[in-house]
Amino acid sequence: MKPRPGGLWAKKVAINRGLDPAYSKDGDLWRDPSPGMGCNSHLRRHPNEKPESLMVKLVKLCTVMGETICDPYMGSGTTGIACLRTGRNFIGIEKDPTHFATAVARLQREAIQGRLL
């Protein structure tokens, strides 16, 4: 493995974790803010809601366009949003009726809105 040029922040994190900083770079660190933190906590749709930007990155990293992702604990539907935005198919399962309704509403809004190019 070749050493990678990286920023100071990535190197500091690598050192703090006991890793070789020569093999780190800024893109190795994802700093996606969690929705509804601090004074915006009233904006959260689910107690464990993930950032949409993080889920888009993970969906792109783990799948290719056209594949299907099944989320057996759909919550507020963030993985489904990421699938719509990246051209993946989505199957979501959620037993809590309130969270299921939230996810359906979010997915419908996203599907209707579409993405601007």
PDB file of N, CA and C in Angstrom:
ATOM      1  N   MET A   1       0.841  -1.179   0.000  1.00  0.00           N
ATOM      2  CA  MET A   1       0.000   0.000   0.000  1.00  0.00           C
ATOM      3  C   MET A   1       0.887   1.243   0.000  1.00  0.00           C
ATOM      4  N   LYS A   2       0.556   2.196  -0.856  1.00  0.00           N
ATOM      5  CA  LYS A   2       1.338   3.433  -0.958  1.00  0.00           C
ATOM      6  C   LYS A   2       0.858   4.457   0.065  1.00  0.00           C
ATOM      7  N   PRO A   3       1.771   5.250   0.595  1.00  0.00           N
ATOM      8  CA  PRO A   3       1.345   6.371   1.441  1.00  0.00           C
ATOM      9  C   PRO A   3       0.442   7.316   0.639  1.00  0.00           C
ATOM     10  N   ARG A   4      -0.498   7.953   1.319  1.00  0.00           N
ATOM     11  CA  ARG A   4      -1.463   8.838   0.677  1.00  0.00           C
ATOM     12  C   ARG A   4      -1.295  10.250   1.211  1.00  0.00           C
ATOM     13  N   PRO A   5      -1.274  11.229   0.298  1.00  0.00           N
ATOM     14  CA  PRO A   5      -1.198  12.610   0.783  1.00  0.00           C
ATOM     15  C   PRO A   5      -2.514  12.974   1.463  1.00  0.00           C
ATOM     16  N   GLY A   6      -2.436  13.498   2.645  1.00  0.00           N
ATOM     17  CA  GLY A   6      -3.667  13.836   3.360  1.00  0.00           C
ATOM     18  C   GLY A   6      -3.509  15.106   4.149  1.00  0.00           C
ATOM     19  N   GLY A   7      -4.626  15.616   4.582  1.00  0.00           N
ATOM     20  CA  GLY A   7      -4.632  16.837   5.363  1.00  0.00           C
ATOM     21  C   GLY A   7      -4.286  16.572   6.818  1.00  0.00           C
ATOM     22  N   LEU A   8      -4.057  17.645   7.522  1.00  0.00           N
ATOM     23  CA  LEU A   8      -3.659  17.578   8.920  1.00  0.00           C
ATOM     24  C   LEU A   8      -4.733  16.905   9.780  1.00  0.00           C
ATOM     25  N   TRP A   9      -6.006  17.220   9.516  1.00  0.00           N
ATOM     26  CA  TRP A   9      -7.089  16.659  10.323  1.00  0.00           C
ATOM     27  C   TRP A   9      -7.114  15.139  10.224  1.00  0.00           C
ATOM     28  N   ALA A  10      -7.024  14.573   9.020  1.00  0.00           N
ATOM     29  CA  ALA A  10      -7.036  13.119   8.833  1.00  0.00           C
ATOM     30  C   ALA A  10      -5.844  12.484   9.535  1.00  0.00           C
ATOM     31  N   LYS A  11      -4.692  13.138   9.471  1.00  0.00           N
ATOM     32  CA  LYS A  11      -3.497  12.596  10.121  1.00  0.00           C
ATOM     33  C   LYS A  11      -3.641  12.602  11.645  1.00  0.00           C
ATOM     34  N   LYS A  12      -4.227  13.665  12.210  1.00  0.00           N
ATOM     35  CA  LYS A  12      -4.444  13.730  13.656  1.00  0.00           C
ATOM     36  C   LYS A  12      -5.384  12.615  14.109  1.00  0.00           C
ATOM     37  N   VAL A  13      -6.448  12.389  13.365  1.00  0.00           N
ATOM     38  CA  VAL A  13      -7.383  11.324  13.729  1.00  0.00           C
ATOM     39  C   VAL A  13      -6.696   9.970  13.657  1.00  0.00           C
ATOM     40  N   ALA A  14      -5.900   9.743  12.608  1.00  0.00           N
ATOM     41  CA  ALA A  14      -5.177   8.476  12.473  1.00  0.00           C
ATOM     42  C   ALA A  14      -4.241   8.257  13.661  1.00  0.00           C
ATOM     43  N   ILE A  15      -3.513   9.287  14.052  1.00  0.00           N
ATOM     44  CA  ILE A  15      -2.591   9.172  15.182  1.00  0.00           C
ATOM     45  C   ILE A  15      -3.362   8.867  16.462  1.00  0.00           C
ATOM     46  N   ASN A  16      -4.478   9.569  16.688  1.00  0.00           N
ATOM     47  CA  ASN A  16      -5.294   9.334  17.894  1.00  0.00           C
ATOM     48  C   ASN A  16      -5.835   7.914  17.948  1.00  0.00           C
ATOM     49  N   ARG A  17      -6.033   7.299  16.808  1.00  0.00           N
ATOM     50  CA  ARG A  17      -6.557   5.928  16.755  1.00  0.00           C
ATOM     51  C   ARG A  17      -5.451   4.882  16.665  1.00  0.00           C
ATOM     52  N   GLY A  18      -4.200   5.317  16.777  1.00  0.00           N
ATOM     53  CA  GLY A  18      -3.090   4.387  16.742  1.00  0.00           C
ATOM     54  C   GLY A  18      -2.777   3.861  15.355  1.00  0.00           C
ATOM     55  N   LEU A  19      -3.166   4.599  14.314  1.00  0.00           N
ATOM     56  CA  LEU A  19      -2.925   4.181  12.933  1.00  0.00           C
ATOM     57  C   LEU A  19      -1.766   4.966  12.335  1.00  0.00           C
ATOM     58  N   ASP A  20      -1.235   4.470  11.245  1.00  0.00           N
ATOM     59  CA  ASP A  20      -0.133   5.144  10.560  1.00  0.00           C
ATOM     60  C   ASP A  20      -0.693   6.324   9.766  1.00  0.00           C
ATOM     61  N   PRO A  21      -0.336   7.558  10.117  1.00  0.00           N
ATOM     62  CA  PRO A  21      -0.901   8.727   9.433  1.00  0.00           C
ATOM     63  C   PRO A  21      -0.480   8.836   7.969  1.00  0.00           C
ATOM     64  N   ALA A  22       0.549   8.099   7.549  1.00  0.00           N
ATOM     65  CA  ALA A  22       0.992   8.153   6.152  1.00  0.00           C
ATOM     66  C   ALA A  22      -0.063   7.570   5.214  1.00  0.00           C
ATOM     67  N   TYR A  23      -0.980   6.776   5.750  1.00  0.00           N
ATOM     68  CA  TYR A  23      -1.983   6.113   4.912  1.00  0.00           C
ATOM     69  C   TYR A  23      -3.370   6.737   5.070  1.00  0.00           C
ATOM     70  N   SER A  24      -3.443   7.967   5.508  1.00  0.00           N
ATOM     71  CA  SER A  24      -4.733   8.630   5.683  1.00  0.00           C
ATOM     72  C   SER A  24      -4.830   9.837   4.767  1.00  0.00           C
ATOM     73  N   LYS A  25      -6.052  10.205   4.443  1.00  0.00           N
ATOM     74  CA  LYS A  25      -6.306  11.432   3.690  1.00  0.00           C
ATOM     75  C   LYS A  25      -7.648  11.992   4.127  1.00  0.00           C
ATOM     76  N   ASP A  26      -7.926  13.244   3.782  1.00  0.00           N
ATOM     77  CA  ASP A  26      -9.145  13.902   4.250  1.00  0.00           C
ATOM     78  C   ASP A  26     -10.412  13.174   3.829  1.00  0.00           C
ATOM     79  N   GLY A  27     -10.433  12.577   2.656  1.00  0.00           N
ATOM     80  CA  GLY A  27     -11.631  11.866   2.201  1.00  0.00           C
ATOM     81  C   GLY A  27     -11.956  10.635   3.017  1.00  0.00           C
ATOM     82  N   ASP A  28     -11.023  10.188   3.851  1.00  0.00           N
ATOM     83  CA  ASP A  28     -11.262   9.029   4.708  1.00  0.00           C
ATOM     84  C   ASP A  28     -12.225   9.353   5.844  1.00  0.00           C
ATOM     85  N   LEU A  29     -12.384  10.636   6.147  1.00  0.00           N
ATOM     86  CA  LEU A  29     -13.234  11.055   7.253  1.00  0.00           C
ATOM     87  C   LEU A  29     -14.524  11.640   6.714  1.00  0.00           C
ATOM     88  N   TRP A  30     -15.625  11.117   7.187  1.00  0.00           N
ATOM     89  CA  TRP A  30     -16.929  11.648   6.803  1.00  0.00           C
ATOM     90  C   TRP A  30     -17.479  12.389   8.007  1.00  0.00           C
ATOM     91  N   ARG A  31     -17.788  13.660   7.812  1.00  0.00           N
ATOM     92  CA  ARG A  31     -18.290  14.483   8.902  1.00  0.00           C
ATOM     93  C   ARG A  31     -19.686  14.993   8.570  1.00  0.00           C
ATOM     94  N   ASP A  32     -20.601  14.057   8.334  1.00  0.00           N
ATOM     95  CA  ASP A  32     -21.972  14.421   7.989  1.00  0.00           C
ATOM     96  C   ASP A  32     -22.742  14.720   9.274  1.00  0.00           C
ATOM     97  N   PRO A  33     -23.304  15.917   9.380  1.00  0.00           N
ATOM     98  CA  PRO A  33     -24.011  16.276  10.613  1.00  0.00           C
ATOM     99  C   PRO A  33     -25.310  15.480  10.765  1.00  0.00           C
ATOM    100  N   SER A  34     -25.553  15.031  11.961  1.00  0.00           N
ATOM    101  CA  SER A  34     -26.793  14.319  12.241  1.00  0.00           C
ATOM    102  C   SER A  34     -27.937  15.329  12.246  1.00  0.00           C
ATOM    103  N   PRO A  35     -29.080  14.963  11.668  1.00  0.00           N
ATOM    104  CA  PRO A  35     -30.194  15.917  11.602  1.00  0.00           C
ATOM    105  C   PRO A  35     -30.772  16.226  12.975  1.00  0.00           C
ATOM    106  N   GLY A  36     -31.154  17.464  13.151  1.00  0.00           N
ATOM    107  CA  GLY A  36     -31.858  17.873  14.360  1.00  0.00           C
ATOM    108  C   GLY A  36     -31.041  17.811  15.631  1.00  0.00           C
ATOM    109  N   MET A  37     -29.789  18.203  15.564  1.00  0.00           N
ATOM    110  CA  MET A  37     -28.960  18.184  16.765  1.00  0.00           C
ATOM    111  C   MET A  37     -29.104  19.509  17.521  1.00  0.00           C
ATOM    112  N   GLY A  38     -28.864  19.466  18.808  1.00  0.00           N
ATOM    113  CA  GLY A  38     -28.863  20.668  19.631  1.00  0.00           C
ATOM    114  C   GLY A  38     -30.205  21.383  19.632  1.00  0.00           C
ATOM    115  N   CYS A  39     -30.165  22.654  19.291  1.00  0.00           N
ATOM    116  CA  CYS A  39     -31.383  23.460  19.342  1.00  0.00           C
ATOM    117  C   CYS A  39     -32.373  23.098  18.230  1.00  0.00           C
ATOM    118  N   ASN A  40     -31.953  22.261  17.274  1.00  0.00           N
ATOM    119  CA  ASN A  40     -32.858  21.835  16.195  1.00  0.00           C
ATOM    120  C   ASN A  40     -33.440  20.453  16.433  1.00  0.00           C
ATOM    121  N   SER A  41     -33.401  19.952  17.664  1.00  0.00           N
ATOM    122  CA  SER A  41     -33.846  18.588  17.935  1.00  0.00           C
ATOM    123  C   SER A  41     -35.321  18.374  17.585  1.00  0.00           C
ATOM    124  N   HIS A  42     -36.096  19.426  17.538  1.00  0.00           N
ATOM    125  CA  HIS A  42     -37.513  19.290  17.170  1.00  0.00           C
ATOM    126  C   HIS A  42     -37.677  18.902  15.696  1.00  0.00           C
ATOM    127  N   LEU A  43     -36.609  19.004  14.891  1.00  0.00           N
ATOM    128  CA  LEU A  43     -36.675  18.662  13.469  1.00  0.00           C
ATOM    129  C   LEU A  43     -36.487  17.166  13.206  1.00  0.00           C
ATOM    130  N   ARG A  44     -36.071  16.418  14.218  1.00  0.00           N
ATOM    131  CA  ARG A  44     -35.841  14.981  14.032  1.00  0.00           C
ATOM    132  C   ARG A  44     -37.169  14.262  13.781  1.00  0.00           C
ATOM    133  N   ARG A  45     -37.138  13.341  12.818  1.00  0.00           N
ATOM    134  CA  ARG A  45     -38.321  12.548  12.504  1.00  0.00           C
ATOM    135  C   ARG A  45     -38.268  11.174  13.157  1.00  0.00           C
ATOM    136  N   HIS A  46     -37.102  10.802  13.684  1.00  0.00           N
ATOM    137  CA  HIS A  46     -36.891   9.482  14.281  1.00  0.00           C
ATOM    138  C   HIS A  46     -35.733   9.611  15.276  1.00  0.00           C
ATOM    139  N   PRO A  47     -35.759   8.877  16.393  1.00  0.00           N
ATOM    140  CA  PRO A  47     -34.702   9.017  17.395  1.00  0.00           C
ATOM    141  C   PRO A  47     -33.301   8.670  16.876  1.00  0.00           C
ATOM    142  N   ASN A  48     -33.207   7.780  15.892  1.00  0.00           N
ATOM    143  CA  ASN A  48     -31.903   7.366  15.359  1.00  0.00           C
ATOM    144  C   ASN A  48     -31.737   7.755  13.901  1.00  0.00           C
ATOM    145  N   GLU A  49     -32.302   8.862  13.523  1.00  0.00           N
ATOM    146  CA  GLU A  49     -32.255   9.301  12.128  1.00  0.00           C
ATOM    147  C   GLU A  49     -30.821   9.562  11.682  1.00  0.00           C
ATOM    148  N   LYS A  50     -30.492   9.057  10.499  1.00  0.00           N
ATOM    149  CA  LYS A  50     -29.147   9.225   9.933  1.00  0.00           C
ATOM    150  C   LYS A  50     -29.141  10.412   8.967  1.00  0.00           C
ATOM    151  N   PRO A  51     -27.996  11.034   8.783  1.00  0.00           N
ATOM    152  CA  PRO A  51     -27.900  12.120   7.798  1.00  0.00           C
ATOM    153  C   PRO A  51     -28.119  11.574   6.382  1.00  0.00           C
ATOM    154  N   GLU A  52     -28.919  12.271   5.592  1.00  0.00           N
ATOM    155  CA  GLU A  52     -29.163  11.833   4.210  1.00  0.00           C
ATOM    156  C   GLU A  52     -27.859  11.750   3.428  1.00  0.00           C
ATOM    157  N   SER A  53     -26.971  12.725   3.630  1.00  0.00           N
ATOM    158  CA  SER A  53     -25.709  12.729   2.889  1.00  0.00           C
ATOM    159  C   SER A  53     -24.864  11.498   3.206  1.00  0.00           C
ATOM    160  N   LEU A  54     -24.878  11.050   4.451  1.00  0.00           N
ATOM    161  CA  LEU A  54     -24.133   9.850   4.840  1.00  0.00           C
ATOM    162  C   LEU A  54     -24.725   8.614   4.170  1.00  0.00           C
ATOM    163  N   MET A  55     -26.049   8.508   4.170  1.00  0.00           N
ATOM    164  CA  MET A  55     -26.682   7.325   3.584  1.00  0.00           C
ATOM    165  C   MET A  55     -26.467   7.284   2.066  1.00  0.00           C
ATOM    166  N   VAL A  56     -26.446   8.440   1.410  1.00  0.00           N
ATOM    167  CA  VAL A  56     -26.151   8.474  -0.031  1.00  0.00           C
ATOM    168  C   VAL A  56     -24.749   7.932  -0.281  1.00  0.00           C
ATOM    169  N   LYS A  57     -23.766   8.355   0.529  1.00  0.00           N
ATOM    170  CA  LYS A  57     -22.397   7.862   0.372  1.00  0.00           C
ATOM    171  C   LYS A  57     -22.331   6.351   0.564  1.00  0.00           C
ATOM    172  N   LEU A  58     -23.001   5.843   1.598  1.00  0.00           N
ATOM    173  CA  LEU A  58     -22.959   4.407   1.877  1.00  0.00           C
ATOM    174  C   LEU A  58     -23.653   3.591   0.786  1.00  0.00           C
ATOM    175  N   VAL A  59     -24.774   4.087   0.292  1.00  0.00           N
ATOM    176  CA  VAL A  59     -25.490   3.385  -0.783  1.00  0.00           C
ATOM    177  C   VAL A  59     -24.615   3.322  -2.025  1.00  0.00           C
ATOM    178  N   LYS A  60     -23.959   4.417  -2.373  1.00  0.00           N
ATOM    179  CA  LYS A  60     -23.067   4.433  -3.543  1.00  0.00           C
ATOM    180  C   LYS A  60     -21.870   3.513  -3.343  1.00  0.00           C
ATOM    181  N   LEU A  61     -21.348   3.469  -2.122  1.00  0.00           N
ATOM    182  CA  LEU A  61     -20.173   2.665  -1.824  1.00  0.00           C
ATOM    183  C   LEU A  61     -20.474   1.161  -1.886  1.00  0.00           C
ATOM    184  N   CYS A  62     -21.660   0.780  -1.458  1.00  0.00           N
ATOM    185  CA  CYS A  62     -21.979  -0.648  -1.283  1.00  0.00           C
ATOM    186  C   CYS A  62     -22.768  -1.270  -2.425  1.00  0.00           C
ATOM    187  N   THR A  63     -23.288  -0.472  -3.351  1.00  0.00           N
ATOM    188  CA  THR A  63     -24.131  -1.011  -4.419  1.00  0.00           C
ATOM    189  C   THR A  63     -23.834  -0.317  -5.741  1.00  0.00           C
ATOM    190  N   VAL A  64     -24.406  -0.863  -6.808  1.00  0.00           N
ATOM    191  CA  VAL A  64     -24.348  -0.206  -8.111  1.00  0.00           C
ATOM    192  C   VAL A  64     -25.768   0.160  -8.524  1.00  0.00           C
ATOM    193  N   MET A  65     -25.873   1.111  -9.436  1.00  0.00           N
ATOM    194  CA  MET A  65     -27.164   1.591  -9.892  1.00  0.00           C
ATOM    195  C   MET A  65     -28.026   0.413 -10.355  1.00  0.00           C
ATOM    196  N   GLY A  66     -29.289   0.417  -9.958  1.00  0.00           N
ATOM    197  CA  GLY A  66     -30.221  -0.623 -10.353  1.00  0.00           C
ATOM    198  C   GLY A  66     -30.357  -1.754  -9.352  1.00  0.00           C
ATOM    199  N   GLU A  67     -29.439  -1.865  -8.401  1.00  0.00           N
ATOM    200  CA  GLU A  67     -29.557  -2.915  -7.381  1.00  0.00           C
ATOM    201  C   GLU A  67     -30.656  -2.559  -6.383  1.00  0.00           C
ATOM    202  N   THR A  68     -31.037  -3.540  -5.577  1.00  0.00           N
ATOM    203  CA  THR A  68     -32.100  -3.358  -4.595  1.00  0.00           C
ATOM    204  C   THR A  68     -31.519  -3.443  -3.193  1.00  0.00           C
ATOM    205  N   ILE A  69     -31.917  -2.496  -2.350  1.00  0.00           N
ATOM    206  CA  ILE A  69     -31.525  -2.487  -0.941  1.00  0.00           C
ATOM    207  C   ILE A  69     -32.777  -2.750  -0.116  1.00  0.00           C
ATOM    208  N   CYS A  70     -32.665  -3.670   0.828  1.00  0.00           N
ATOM    209  CA  CYS A  70     -33.754  -3.950   1.772  1.00  0.00           C
ATOM    210  C   CYS A  70     -33.339  -3.429   3.135  1.00  0.00           C
ATOM    211  N   ASP A  71     -34.156  -2.552   3.701  1.00  0.00           N
ATOM    212  CA  ASP A  71     -33.902  -2.004   5.034  1.00  0.00           C
ATOM    213  C   ASP A  71     -34.990  -2.539   5.963  1.00  0.00           C
ATOM    214  N   PRO A  72     -34.674  -3.566   6.773  1.00  0.00           N
ATOM    215  CA  PRO A  72     -35.697  -4.181   7.614  1.00  0.00           C
ATOM    216  C   PRO A  72     -36.103  -3.339   8.827  1.00  0.00           C
ATOM    217  N   TYR A  73     -35.390  -2.255   9.076  1.00  0.00           N
ATOM    218  CA  TYR A  73     -35.713  -1.333  10.168  1.00  0.00           C
ATOM    219  C   TYR A  73     -35.711   0.080   9.591  1.00  0.00           C
ATOM    220  N   MET A  74     -36.672   0.365   8.748  1.00  0.00           N
ATOM    221  CA  MET A  74     -36.691   1.558   7.895  1.00  0.00           C
ATOM    222  C   MET A  74     -36.736   2.874   8.666  1.00  0.00           C
ATOM    223  N   GLY A  75     -37.325   2.893   9.838  1.00  0.00           N
ATOM    224  CA  GLY A  75     -37.418   4.145  10.590  1.00  0.00           C
ATOM    225  C   GLY A  75     -38.108   5.218   9.783  1.00  0.00           C
ATOM    226  N   SER A  76     -37.450   6.358   9.601  1.00  0.00           N
ATOM    227  CA  SER A  76     -38.061   7.484   8.880  1.00  0.00           C
ATOM    228  C   SER A  76     -37.752   7.464   7.386  1.00  0.00           C
ATOM    229  N   GLY A  77     -37.079   6.409   6.901  1.00  0.00           N
ATOM    230  CA  GLY A  77     -36.904   6.237   5.460  1.00  0.00           C
ATOM    231  C   GLY A  77     -35.679   6.868   4.834  1.00  0.00           C
ATOM    232  N   THR A  78     -34.657   7.182   5.611  1.00  0.00           N
ATOM    233  CA  THR A  78     -33.487   7.857   5.059  1.00  0.00           C
ATOM    234  C   THR A  78     -32.756   7.002   4.026  1.00  0.00           C
ATOM    235  N   THR A  79     -32.667   5.695   4.254  1.00  0.00           N
ATOM    236  CA  THR A  79     -32.024   4.823   3.269  1.00  0.00           C
ATOM    237  C   THR A  79     -32.827   4.817   1.971  1.00  0.00           C
ATOM    238  N   GLY A  80     -34.132   4.839   2.065  1.00  0.00           N
ATOM    239  CA  GLY A  80     -34.977   4.904   0.877  1.00  0.00           C
ATOM    240  C   GLY A  80     -34.770   6.191   0.094  1.00  0.00           C
ATOM    241  N   ILE A  81     -34.611   7.298   0.803  1.00  0.00           N
ATOM    242  CA  ILE A  81     -34.319   8.583   0.158  1.00  0.00           C
ATOM    243  C   ILE A  81     -33.005   8.471  -0.620  1.00  0.00           C
ATOM    244  N   ALA A  82     -31.987   7.878   0.020  1.00  0.00           N
ATOM    245  CA  ALA A  82     -30.690   7.708  -0.638  1.00  0.00           C
ATOM    246  C   ALA A  82     -30.832   6.832  -1.886  1.00  0.00           C
ATOM    247  N   CYS A  83     -31.649   5.805  -1.821  1.00  0.00           N
ATOM    248  CA  CYS A  83     -31.861   4.937  -2.979  1.00  0.00           C
ATOM    249  C   CYS A  83     -32.529   5.701  -4.128  1.00  0.00           C
ATOM    250  N   LEU A  84     -33.534   6.492  -3.813  1.00  0.00           N
ATOM    251  CA  LEU A  84     -34.189   7.290  -4.861  1.00  0.00           C
ATOM    252  C   LEU A  84     -33.216   8.253  -5.521  1.00  0.00           C
ATOM    253  N   ARG A  85     -32.342   8.833  -4.719  1.00  0.00           N
ATOM    254  CA  ARG A  85     -31.395   9.823  -5.251  1.00  0.00           C
ATOM    255  C   ARG A  85     -30.263   9.203  -6.073  1.00  0.00           C
ATOM    256  N   THR A  86     -30.023   7.914  -5.891  1.00  0.00           N
ATOM    257  CA  THR A  86     -28.886   7.284  -6.555  1.00  0.00           C
ATOM    258  C   THR A  86     -29.277   6.184  -7.538  1.00  0.00           C
ATOM    259  N   GLY A  87     -30.557   6.054  -7.835  1.00  0.00           N
ATOM    260  CA  GLY A  87     -30.985   5.082  -8.836  1.00  0.00           C
ATOM    261  C   GLY A  87     -30.975   3.639  -8.364  1.00  0.00           C
ATOM    262  N   ARG A  88     -31.202   3.419  -7.078  1.00  0.00           N
ATOM    263  CA  ARG A  88     -31.316   2.071  -6.543  1.00  0.00           C
ATOM    264  C   ARG A  88     -32.774   1.779  -6.221  1.00  0.00           C
ATOM    265  N   ASN A  89     -33.129   0.506  -6.209  1.00  0.00           N
ATOM    266  CA  ASN A  89     -34.465   0.082  -5.785  1.00  0.00           C
ATOM    267  C   ASN A  89     -34.447  -0.069  -4.272  1.00  0.00           C
ATOM    268  N   PHE A  90     -35.629   0.034  -3.655  1.00  0.00           N
ATOM    269  CA  PHE A  90     -35.691   0.037  -2.201  1.00  0.00           C
ATOM    270  C   PHE A  90     -36.882  -0.758  -1.704  1.00  0.00           C
ATOM    271  N   ILE A  91     -36.632  -1.589  -0.702  1.00  0.00           N
ATOM    272  CA  ILE A  91     -37.684  -2.283   0.042  1.00  0.00           C
ATOM    273  C   ILE A  91     -37.494  -1.882   1.499  1.00  0.00           C
ATOM    274  N   GLY A  92     -38.517  -1.288   2.089  1.00  0.00           N
ATOM    275  CA  GLY A  92     -38.426  -0.853   3.473  1.00  0.00           C
ATOM    276  C   GLY A  92     -39.455  -1.539   4.342  1.00  0.00           C
ATOM    277  N   ILE A  93     -39.056  -1.936   5.540  1.00  0.00           N
ATOM    278  CA  ILE A  93     -39.939  -2.606   6.491  1.00  0.00           C
ATOM    279  C   ILE A  93     -39.846  -1.853   7.811  1.00  0.00           C
ATOM    280  N   GLU A  94     -40.995  -1.514   8.385  1.00  0.00           N
ATOM    281  CA  GLU A  94     -41.025  -0.803   9.666  1.00  0.00           C
ATOM    282  C   GLU A  94     -42.290  -1.205  10.408  1.00  0.00           C
ATOM    283  N   LYS A  95     -42.130  -1.676  11.650  1.00  0.00           N
ATOM    284  CA  LYS A  95     -43.300  -2.132  12.410  1.00  0.00           C
ATOM    285  C   LYS A  95     -44.034  -1.010  13.136  1.00  0.00           C
ATOM    286  N   ASP A  96     -43.354   0.096  13.416  1.00  0.00           N
ATOM    287  CA  ASP A  96     -44.004   1.213  14.110  1.00  0.00           C
ATOM    288  C   ASP A  96     -44.828   2.009  13.104  1.00  0.00           C
ATOM    289  N   PRO A  97     -46.147   2.062  13.285  1.00  0.00           N
ATOM    290  CA  PRO A  97     -47.002   2.750  12.309  1.00  0.00           C
ATOM    291  C   PRO A  97     -46.688   4.238  12.137  1.00  0.00           C
ATOM    292  N   THR A  98     -46.275   4.892  13.201  1.00  0.00           N
ATOM    293  CA  THR A  98     -45.949   6.319  13.109  1.00  0.00           C
ATOM    294  C   THR A  98     -44.712   6.534  12.245  1.00  0.00           C
ATOM    295  N   HIS A  99     -43.660   5.756  12.508  1.00  0.00           N
ATOM    296  CA  HIS A  99     -42.443   5.887  11.713  1.00  0.00           C
ATOM    297  C   HIS A  99     -42.688   5.444  10.265  1.00  0.00           C
ATOM    298  N   PHE A 100     -43.503   4.410  10.089  1.00  0.00           N
ATOM    299  CA  PHE A 100     -43.818   3.959   8.731  1.00  0.00           C
ATOM    300  C   PHE A 100     -44.504   5.082   7.944  1.00  0.00           C
ATOM    301  N   ALA A 101     -45.476   5.750   8.570  1.00  0.00           N
ATOM    302  CA  ALA A 101     -46.181   6.854   7.897  1.00  0.00           C
ATOM    303  C   ALA A 101     -45.218   7.997   7.567  1.00  0.00           C
ATOM    304  N   THR A 102     -44.295   8.288   8.475  1.00  0.00           N
ATOM    305  CA  THR A 102     -43.294   9.321   8.216  1.00  0.00           C
ATOM    306  C   THR A 102     -42.441   8.948   7.007  1.00  0.00           C
ATOM    307  N   ALA A 103     -41.984   7.694   6.965  1.00  0.00           N
ATOM    308  CA  ALA A 103     -41.143   7.237   5.855  1.00  0.00           C
ATOM    309  C   ALA A 103     -41.894   7.293   4.534  1.00  0.00           C
ATOM    310  N   VAL A 104     -43.136   6.838   4.522  1.00  0.00           N
ATOM    311  CA  VAL A 104     -43.928   6.855   3.285  1.00  0.00           C
ATOM    312  C   VAL A 104     -44.089   8.288   2.778  1.00  0.00           C
ATOM    313  N   ALA A 105     -44.398   9.210   3.684  1.00  0.00           N
ATOM    314  CA  ALA A 105     -44.572  10.611   3.282  1.00  0.00           C
ATOM    315  C   ALA A 105     -43.263  11.181   2.717  1.00  0.00           C
ATOM    316  N   ARG A 106     -42.142  10.901   3.372  1.00  0.00           N
ATOM    317  CA  ARG A 106     -40.849  11.397   2.881  1.00  0.00           C
ATOM    318  C   ARG A 106     -40.515  10.816   1.515  1.00  0.00           C
ATOM    319  N   LEU A 107     -40.728   9.518   1.351  1.00  0.00           N
ATOM    320  CA  LEU A 107     -40.417   8.864   0.077  1.00  0.00           C
ATOM    321  C   LEU A 107     -41.313   9.377  -1.045  1.00  0.00           C
ATOM    322  N   GLN A 108     -42.576   9.599  -0.736  1.00  0.00           N
ATOM    323  CA  GLN A 108     -43.487  10.141  -1.754  1.00  0.00           C
ATOM    324  C   GLN A 108     -43.061  11.555  -2.166  1.00  0.00           C
ATOM    325  N   ARG A 109     -42.709  12.389  -1.191  1.00  0.00           N
ATOM    326  CA  ARG A 109     -42.243  13.749  -1.514  1.00  0.00           C
ATOM    327  C   ARG A 109     -40.992  13.710  -2.379  1.00  0.00           C
ATOM    328  N   GLU A 110     -40.064  12.841  -2.024  1.00  0.00           N
ATOM    329  CA  GLU A 110     -38.806  12.737  -2.778  1.00  0.00           C
ATOM    330  C   GLU A 110     -39.074  12.235  -4.199  1.00  0.00           C
ATOM    331  N   ALA A 111     -39.945  11.250  -4.335  1.00  0.00           N
ATOM    332  CA  ALA A 111     -40.247  10.688  -5.655  1.00  0.00           C
ATOM    333  C   ALA A 111     -40.928  11.713  -6.553  1.00  0.00           C
ATOM    334  N   ILE A 112     -41.813  12.503  -5.978  1.00  0.00           N
ATOM    335  CA  ILE A 112     -42.516  13.530  -6.758  1.00  0.00           C
ATOM    336  C   ILE A 112     -41.567  14.655  -7.149  1.00  0.00           C
ATOM    337  N   GLN A 113     -40.732  15.091  -6.199  1.00  0.00           N
ATOM    338  CA  GLN A 113     -39.824  16.210  -6.436  1.00  0.00           C
ATOM    339  C   GLN A 113     -38.779  15.845  -7.471  1.00  0.00           C
ATOM    340  N   GLY A 114     -38.199  14.651  -7.366  1.00  0.00           N
ATOM    341  CA  GLY A 114     -37.135  14.276  -8.284  1.00  0.00           C
ATOM    342  C   GLY A 114     -35.868  15.069  -8.001  1.00  0.00           C
ATOM    343  N   ARG A 115     -34.890  14.909  -8.841  1.00  0.00           N
ATOM    344  CA  ARG A 115     -33.611  15.599  -8.666  1.00  0.00           C
ATOM    345  C   ARG A 115     -33.391  16.559  -9.820  1.00  0.00           C
ATOM    346  N   LEU A 116     -32.929  17.746  -9.510  1.00  0.00           N
ATOM    347  CA  LEU A 116     -32.591  18.723 -10.542  1.00  0.00           C
ATOM    348  C   LEU A 116     -31.173  18.450 -11.008  1.00  0.00           C
ATOM    349  N   LEU A 117     -30.947  18.540 -12.288  1.00  0.00           N
ATOM    350  CA  LEU A 117     -29.594  18.306 -12.820  1.00  0.00           C
ATOM    351  C   LEU A 117     -28.890  19.608 -13.094  1.00  0.00           C
TER     352      LEU A 117
END
